[in-house]
Amino acid sequence: MTPVQAIRAKCLDCMCGNAAEVRRCPCDGCTLYPFRMGHNPNRAGRGRNGPLFAGNPVSSATFERDGVTEV
């Protein structure tokens, strides 16, 4: 079991096994709150499910070469 899976299990235990209640958790001051859905929010956009070129302000159709922007 990964640490994020263990956090998810703890949140399910806290909400008596009800996944819908985990989603609506009112305890936003809890240190586990950002991880309650079984995902690490610090890894957003990484991995095979993340968006291509996440965080890249320049579209893939535009690039700069020697100070000249080409489209």
PDB file of N, CA and C in Angstrom:
ATOM      1  N   MET A   1       0.854  -1.176   0.000  1.00  0.00           N
ATOM      2  CA  MET A   1       0.000   0.000   0.000  1.00  0.00           C
ATOM      3  C   MET A   1       0.899   1.239   0.000  1.00  0.00           C
ATOM      4  N   THR A   2       0.616   2.157  -0.915  1.00  0.00           N
ATOM      5  CA  THR A   2       1.395   3.389  -0.989  1.00  0.00           C
ATOM      6  C   THR A   2       0.925   4.352   0.101  1.00  0.00           C
ATOM      7  N   PRO A   3       1.716   5.369   0.406  1.00  0.00           N
ATOM      8  CA  PRO A   3       1.284   6.346   1.409  1.00  0.00           C
ATOM      9  C   PRO A   3      -0.039   7.031   1.044  1.00  0.00           C
ATOM     10  N   VAL A   4      -0.246   7.342  -0.220  1.00  0.00           N
ATOM     11  CA  VAL A   4      -1.490   8.004  -0.634  1.00  0.00           C
ATOM     12  C   VAL A   4      -2.668   7.047  -0.477  1.00  0.00           C
ATOM     13  N   GLN A   5      -2.470   5.772  -0.756  1.00  0.00           N
ATOM     14  CA  GLN A   5      -3.525   4.778  -0.555  1.00  0.00           C
ATOM     15  C   GLN A   5      -3.849   4.636   0.931  1.00  0.00           C
ATOM     16  N   ALA A   6      -2.831   4.718   1.776  1.00  0.00           N
ATOM     17  CA  ALA A   6      -3.053   4.640   3.219  1.00  0.00           C
ATOM     18  C   ALA A   6      -3.846   5.849   3.715  1.00  0.00           C
ATOM     19  N   ILE A   7      -3.565   7.021   3.156  1.00  0.00           N
ATOM     20  CA  ILE A   7      -4.317   8.227   3.520  1.00  0.00           C
ATOM     21  C   ILE A   7      -5.765   8.079   3.087  1.00  0.00           C
ATOM     22  N   ARG A   8      -5.997   7.570   1.883  1.00  0.00           N
ATOM     23  CA  ARG A   8      -7.353   7.349   1.393  1.00  0.00           C
ATOM     24  C   ARG A   8      -8.090   6.380   2.321  1.00  0.00           C
ATOM     25  N   ALA A   9      -7.416   5.318   2.729  1.00  0.00           N
ATOM     26  CA  ALA A   9      -8.036   4.343   3.635  1.00  0.00           C
ATOM     27  C   ALA A   9      -8.383   4.995   4.970  1.00  0.00           C
ATOM     28  N   LYS A  10      -7.513   5.867   5.482  1.00  0.00           N
ATOM     29  CA  LYS A  10      -7.775   6.570   6.738  1.00  0.00           C
ATOM     30  C   LYS A  10      -8.988   7.488   6.591  1.00  0.00           C
ATOM     31  N   CYS A  11      -9.092   8.179   5.464  1.00  0.00           N
ATOM     32  CA  CYS A  11     -10.228   9.070   5.231  1.00  0.00           C
ATOM     33  C   CYS A  11     -11.523   8.271   5.127  1.00  0.00           C
ATOM     34  N   LEU A  12     -11.475   7.138   4.458  1.00  0.00           N
ATOM     35  CA  LEU A  12     -12.653   6.274   4.388  1.00  0.00           C
ATOM     36  C   LEU A  12     -13.041   5.783   5.777  1.00  0.00           C
ATOM     37  N   ASP A  13     -12.053   5.443   6.598  1.00  0.00           N
ATOM     38  CA  ASP A  13     -12.318   5.005   7.966  1.00  0.00           C
ATOM     39  C   ASP A  13     -12.951   6.140   8.773  1.00  0.00           C
ATOM     40  N   CYS A  14     -12.454   7.344   8.594  1.00  0.00           N
ATOM     41  CA  CYS A  14     -12.963   8.516   9.315  1.00  0.00           C
ATOM     42  C   CYS A  14     -14.424   8.790   8.952  1.00  0.00           C
ATOM     43  N   MET A  15     -14.788   8.525   7.699  1.00  0.00           N
ATOM     44  CA  MET A  15     -16.149   8.783   7.225  1.00  0.00           C
ATOM     45  C   MET A  15     -16.989   7.500   7.177  1.00  0.00           C
ATOM     46  N   CYS A  16     -16.635   6.529   8.003  1.00  0.00           N
ATOM     47  CA  CYS A  16     -17.395   5.269   8.140  1.00  0.00           C
ATOM     48  C   CYS A  16     -17.545   4.515   6.819  1.00  0.00           C
ATOM     49  N   GLY A  17     -16.502   4.584   5.964  1.00  0.00           N
ATOM     50  CA  GLY A  17     -16.500   3.825   4.719  1.00  0.00           C
ATOM     51  C   GLY A  17     -17.310   4.424   3.588  1.00  0.00           C
ATOM     52  N   ASN A  18     -17.823   5.627   3.753  1.00  0.00           N
ATOM     53  CA  ASN A  18     -18.657   6.263   2.744  1.00  0.00           C
ATOM     54  C   ASN A  18     -17.803   7.188   1.868  1.00  0.00           C
ATOM     55  N   ALA A  19     -17.561   6.769   0.621  1.00  0.00           N
ATOM     56  CA  ALA A  19     -16.708   7.538  -0.286  1.00  0.00           C
ATOM     57  C   ALA A  19     -17.306   8.902  -0.620  1.00  0.00           C
ATOM     58  N   ALA A  20     -18.617   8.992  -0.701  1.00  0.00           N
ATOM     59  CA  ALA A  20     -19.267  10.277  -0.999  1.00  0.00           C
ATOM     60  C   ALA A  20     -19.012  11.277   0.126  1.00  0.00           C
ATOM     61  N   GLU A  21     -18.978  10.793   1.358  1.00  0.00           N
ATOM     62  CA  GLU A  21     -18.701  11.672   2.491  1.00  0.00           C
ATOM     63  C   GLU A  21     -17.241  12.122   2.501  1.00  0.00           C
ATOM     64  N   VAL A  22     -16.326  11.285   2.017  1.00  0.00           N
ATOM     65  CA  VAL A  22     -14.914  11.678   1.908  1.00  0.00           C
ATOM     66  C   VAL A  22     -14.806  12.859   0.948  1.00  0.00           C
ATOM     67  N   ARG A  23     -15.529  12.802  -0.157  1.00  0.00           N
ATOM     68  CA  ARG A  23     -15.513  13.894  -1.140  1.00  0.00           C
ATOM     69  C   ARG A  23     -16.042  15.187  -0.527  1.00  0.00           C
ATOM     70  N   ARG A  24     -17.051  15.092   0.327  1.00  0.00           N
ATOM     71  CA  ARG A  24     -17.665  16.271   0.948  1.00  0.00           C
ATOM     72  C   ARG A  24     -17.085  16.586   2.324  1.00  0.00           C
ATOM     73  N   CYS A  25     -15.939  16.079   2.630  1.00  0.00           N
ATOM     74  CA  CYS A  25     -15.331  16.234   3.954  1.00  0.00           C
ATOM     75  C   CYS A  25     -15.275  17.715   4.374  1.00  0.00           C
ATOM     76  N   PRO A  26     -15.814  18.032   5.553  1.00  0.00           N
ATOM     77  CA  PRO A  26     -15.810  19.419   6.019  1.00  0.00           C
ATOM     78  C   PRO A  26     -14.524  19.809   6.758  1.00  0.00           C
ATOM     79  N   CYS A  27     -13.630  18.869   6.964  1.00  0.00           N
ATOM     80  CA  CYS A  27     -12.419  19.113   7.767  1.00  0.00           C
ATOM     81  C   CYS A  27     -11.263  19.597   6.895  1.00  0.00           C
ATOM     82  N   ASP A  28     -11.418  20.761   6.247  1.00  0.00           N
ATOM     83  CA  ASP A  28     -10.371  21.246   5.349  1.00  0.00           C
ATOM     84  C   ASP A  28      -9.109  21.677   6.086  1.00  0.00           C
ATOM     85  N   GLY A  29      -9.141  21.731   7.410  1.00  0.00           N
ATOM     86  CA  GLY A  29      -7.947  22.027   8.191  1.00  0.00           C
ATOM     87  C   GLY A  29      -7.092  20.795   8.454  1.00  0.00           C
ATOM     88  N   CYS A  30      -7.601  19.621   8.109  1.00  0.00           N
ATOM     89  CA  CYS A  30      -6.876  18.357   8.307  1.00  0.00           C
ATOM     90  C   CYS A  30      -5.674  18.310   7.363  1.00  0.00           C
ATOM     91  N   THR A  31      -4.545  17.836   7.863  1.00  0.00           N
ATOM     92  CA  THR A  31      -3.343  17.761   7.025  1.00  0.00           C
ATOM     93  C   THR A  31      -3.481  16.735   5.906  1.00  0.00           C
ATOM     94  N   LEU A  32      -4.414  15.792   6.050  1.00  0.00           N
ATOM     95  CA  LEU A  32      -4.629  14.776   5.019  1.00  0.00           C
ATOM     96  C   LEU A  32      -5.643  15.219   3.961  1.00  0.00           C
ATOM     97  N   TYR A  33      -6.318  16.319   4.189  1.00  0.00           N
ATOM     98  CA  TYR A  33      -7.413  16.783   3.327  1.00  0.00           C
ATOM     99  C   TYR A  33      -7.050  16.821   1.834  1.00  0.00           C
ATOM    100  N   PRO A  34      -5.904  17.373   1.429  1.00  0.00           N
ATOM    101  CA  PRO A  34      -5.597  17.433  -0.008  1.00  0.00           C
ATOM    102  C   PRO A  34      -5.404  16.058  -0.647  1.00  0.00           C
ATOM    103  N   PHE A  35      -5.126  15.034   0.157  1.00  0.00           N
ATOM    104  CA  PHE A  35      -4.830  13.701  -0.348  1.00  0.00           C
ATOM    105  C   PHE A  35      -6.035  12.759  -0.231  1.00  0.00           C
ATOM    106  N   ARG A  36      -7.160  13.236   0.257  1.00  0.00           N
ATOM    107  CA  ARG A  36      -8.290  12.379   0.622  1.00  0.00           C
ATOM    108  C   ARG A  36      -8.888  11.608  -0.546  1.00  0.00           C
ATOM    109  N   MET A  37      -8.717  12.081  -1.760  1.00  0.00           N
ATOM    110  CA  MET A  37      -9.293  11.399  -2.916  1.00  0.00           C
ATOM    111  C   MET A  37      -8.366  10.333  -3.490  1.00  0.00           C
ATOM    112  N   GLY A  38      -7.234  10.094  -2.841  1.00  0.00           N
ATOM    113  CA  GLY A  38      -6.322   9.046  -3.285  1.00  0.00           C
ATOM    114  C   GLY A  38      -5.313   9.494  -4.319  1.00  0.00           C
ATOM    115  N   HIS A  39      -5.138  10.811  -4.433  1.00  0.00           N
ATOM    116  CA  HIS A  39      -4.179  11.366  -5.387  1.00  0.00           C
ATOM    117  C   HIS A  39      -3.309  12.389  -4.684  1.00  0.00           C
ATOM    118  N   ASN A  40      -2.071  12.503  -5.133  1.00  0.00           N
ATOM    119  CA  ASN A  40      -1.142  13.476  -4.581  1.00  0.00           C
ATOM    120  C   ASN A  40      -1.265  14.764  -5.392  1.00  0.00           C
ATOM    121  N   PRO A  41      -1.784  15.844  -4.813  1.00  0.00           N
ATOM    122  CA  PRO A  41      -1.964  17.085  -5.570  1.00  0.00           C
ATOM    123  C   PRO A  41      -0.638  17.732  -5.983  1.00  0.00           C
ATOM    124  N   ASN A  42       0.448  17.335  -5.354  1.00  0.00           N
ATOM    125  CA  ASN A  42       1.757  17.877  -5.707  1.00  0.00           C
ATOM    126  C   ASN A  42       2.292  17.276  -7.001  1.00  0.00           C
ATOM    127  N   ARG A  43       1.659  16.228  -7.491  1.00  0.00           N
ATOM    128  CA  ARG A  43       2.092  15.575  -8.722  1.00  0.00           C
ATOM    129  C   ARG A  43       1.129  15.842  -9.872  1.00  0.00           C
ATOM    130  N   ALA A  44       0.288  16.839  -9.760  1.00  0.00           N
ATOM    131  CA  ALA A  44      -0.695  17.155 -10.799  1.00  0.00           C
ATOM    132  C   ALA A  44       0.005  17.425 -12.125  1.00  0.00           C
ATOM    133  N   GLY A  45      -0.482  16.798 -13.173  1.00  0.00           N
ATOM    134  CA  GLY A  45       0.079  17.005 -14.504  1.00  0.00           C
ATOM    135  C   GLY A  45       1.237  16.103 -14.837  1.00  0.00           C
ATOM    136  N   ARG A  46       1.618  15.235 -13.927  1.00  0.00           N
ATOM    137  CA  ARG A  46       2.720  14.316 -14.196  1.00  0.00           C
ATOM    138  C   ARG A  46       2.166  12.923 -14.462  1.00  0.00           C
ATOM    139  N   GLY A  47       2.939  12.127 -15.150  1.00  0.00           N
ATOM    140  CA  GLY A  47       2.520  10.756 -15.407  1.00  0.00           C
ATOM    141  C   GLY A  47       1.714  10.629 -16.683  1.00  0.00           C
ATOM    142  N   ARG A  48       1.218   9.429 -16.936  1.00  0.00           N
ATOM    143  CA  ARG A  48       0.545   9.165 -18.193  1.00  0.00           C
ATOM    144  C   ARG A  48      -0.820   9.828 -18.307  1.00  0.00           C
ATOM    145  N   ASN A  49      -1.420  10.217 -17.183  1.00  0.00           N
ATOM    146  CA  ASN A  49      -2.730  10.844 -17.229  1.00  0.00           C
ATOM    147  C   ASN A  49      -2.663  12.361 -17.253  1.00  0.00           C
ATOM    148  N   GLY A  50      -1.477  12.936 -17.133  1.00  0.00           N
ATOM    149  CA  GLY A  50      -1.338  14.385 -17.112  1.00  0.00           C
ATOM    150  C   GLY A  50      -1.396  14.977 -18.507  1.00  0.00           C
ATOM    151  N   PRO A  51      -1.682  16.249 -18.597  1.00  0.00           N
ATOM    152  CA  PRO A  51      -1.757  16.899 -19.905  1.00  0.00           C
ATOM    153  C   PRO A  51      -0.380  17.008 -20.548  1.00  0.00           C
ATOM    154  N   LEU A  52      -0.349  16.950 -21.846  1.00  0.00           N
ATOM    155  CA  LEU A  52       0.895  17.083 -22.584  1.00  0.00           C
ATOM    156  C   LEU A  52       1.410  18.507 -22.448  1.00  0.00           C
ATOM    157  N   PHE A  53       2.663  18.676 -22.140  1.00  0.00           N
ATOM    158  CA  PHE A  53       3.295  19.977 -21.953  1.00  0.00           C
ATOM    159  C   PHE A  53       2.607  20.788 -20.856  1.00  0.00           C
ATOM    160  N   ALA A  54       2.317  20.156 -19.750  1.00  0.00           N
ATOM    161  CA  ALA A  54       1.637  20.841 -18.642  1.00  0.00           C
ATOM    162  C   ALA A  54       2.472  22.014 -18.156  1.00  0.00           C
ATOM    163  N   GLY A  55       1.845  23.152 -18.021  1.00  0.00           N
ATOM    164  CA  GLY A  55       2.522  24.324 -17.504  1.00  0.00           C
ATOM    165  C   GLY A  55       3.331  25.079 -18.545  1.00  0.00           C
ATOM    166  N   ASN A  56       3.342  24.615 -19.781  1.00  0.00           N
ATOM    167  CA  ASN A  56       4.092  25.272 -20.831  1.00  0.00           C
ATOM    168  C   ASN A  56       3.232  26.400 -21.407  1.00  0.00           C
ATOM    169  N   PRO A  57       3.642  27.663 -21.233  1.00  0.00           N
ATOM    170  CA  PRO A  57       2.828  28.786 -21.697  1.00  0.00           C
ATOM    171  C   PRO A  57       2.826  28.938 -23.209  1.00  0.00           C
ATOM    172  N   VAL A  58       3.760  28.297 -23.899  1.00  0.00           N
ATOM    173  CA  VAL A  58       3.861  28.415 -25.345  1.00  0.00           C
ATOM    174  C   VAL A  58       3.207  27.185 -25.965  1.00  0.00           C
ATOM    175  N   SER A  59       2.326  27.393 -26.932  1.00  0.00           N
ATOM    176  CA  SER A  59       1.677  26.255 -27.570  1.00  0.00           C
ATOM    177  C   SER A  59       2.698  25.482 -28.391  1.00  0.00           C
ATOM    178  N   SER A  60       2.359  24.253 -28.706  1.00  0.00           N
ATOM    179  CA  SER A  60       3.277  23.421 -29.467  1.00  0.00           C
ATOM    180  C   SER A  60       3.398  23.894 -30.912  1.00  0.00           C
ATOM    181  N   ALA A  61       2.476  24.751 -31.373  1.00  0.00           N
ATOM    182  CA  ALA A  61       2.526  25.262 -32.737  1.00  0.00           C
ATOM    183  C   ALA A  61       3.422  26.491 -32.851  1.00  0.00           C
ATOM    184  N   THR A  62       3.801  27.086 -31.741  1.00  0.00           N
ATOM    185  CA  THR A  62       4.620  28.293 -31.748  1.00  0.00           C
ATOM    186  C   THR A  62       5.956  27.998 -31.056  1.00  0.00           C
ATOM    187  N   PHE A  63       7.035  28.411 -31.646  1.00  0.00           N
ATOM    188  CA  PHE A  63       8.326  28.254 -31.004  1.00  0.00           C
ATOM    189  C   PHE A  63       9.221  29.425 -31.363  1.00  0.00           C
ATOM    190  N   GLU A  64      10.283  29.588 -30.594  1.00  0.00           N
ATOM    191  CA  GLU A  64      11.180  30.705 -30.806  1.00  0.00           C
ATOM    192  C   GLU A  64      12.549  30.178 -31.191  1.00  0.00           C
ATOM    193  N   ARG A  65      13.101  30.737 -32.266  1.00  0.00           N
ATOM    194  CA  ARG A  65      14.431  30.343 -32.697  1.00  0.00           C
ATOM    195  C   ARG A  65      15.246  31.606 -32.929  1.00  0.00           C
ATOM    196  N   ASP A  66      16.350  31.742 -32.246  1.00  0.00           N
ATOM    197  CA  ASP A  66      17.248  32.883 -32.357  1.00  0.00           C
ATOM    198  C   ASP A  66      16.522  34.209 -32.152  1.00  0.00           C
ATOM    199  N   GLY A  67      15.596  34.261 -31.183  1.00  0.00           N
ATOM    200  CA  GLY A  67      14.895  35.489 -30.841  1.00  0.00           C
ATOM    201  C   GLY A  67      13.729  35.815 -31.758  1.00  0.00           C
ATOM    202  N   VAL A  68      13.436  34.966 -32.753  1.00  0.00           N
ATOM    203  CA  VAL A  68      12.330  35.188 -33.679  1.00  0.00           C
ATOM    204  C   VAL A  68      11.245  34.161 -33.397  1.00  0.00           C
ATOM    205  N   THR A  69      10.038  34.617 -33.175  1.00  0.00           N
ATOM    206  CA  THR A  69       8.922  33.713 -32.917  1.00  0.00           C
ATOM    207  C   THR A  69       8.312  33.264 -34.231  1.00  0.00           C
ATOM    208  N   GLU A  70       8.193  31.944 -34.395  1.00  0.00           N
ATOM    209  CA  GLU A  70       7.610  31.386 -35.608  1.00  0.00           C
ATOM    210  C   GLU A  70       6.336  30.655 -35.268  1.00  0.00           C
ATOM    211  N   VAL A  71       5.399  30.672 -36.193  1.00  0.00           N
ATOM    212  CA  VAL A  71       4.128  29.957 -35.982  1.00  0.00           C
ATOM    213  C   VAL A  71       3.990  28.893 -37.054  1.00  0.00           C
TER     214      VAL A  71
END
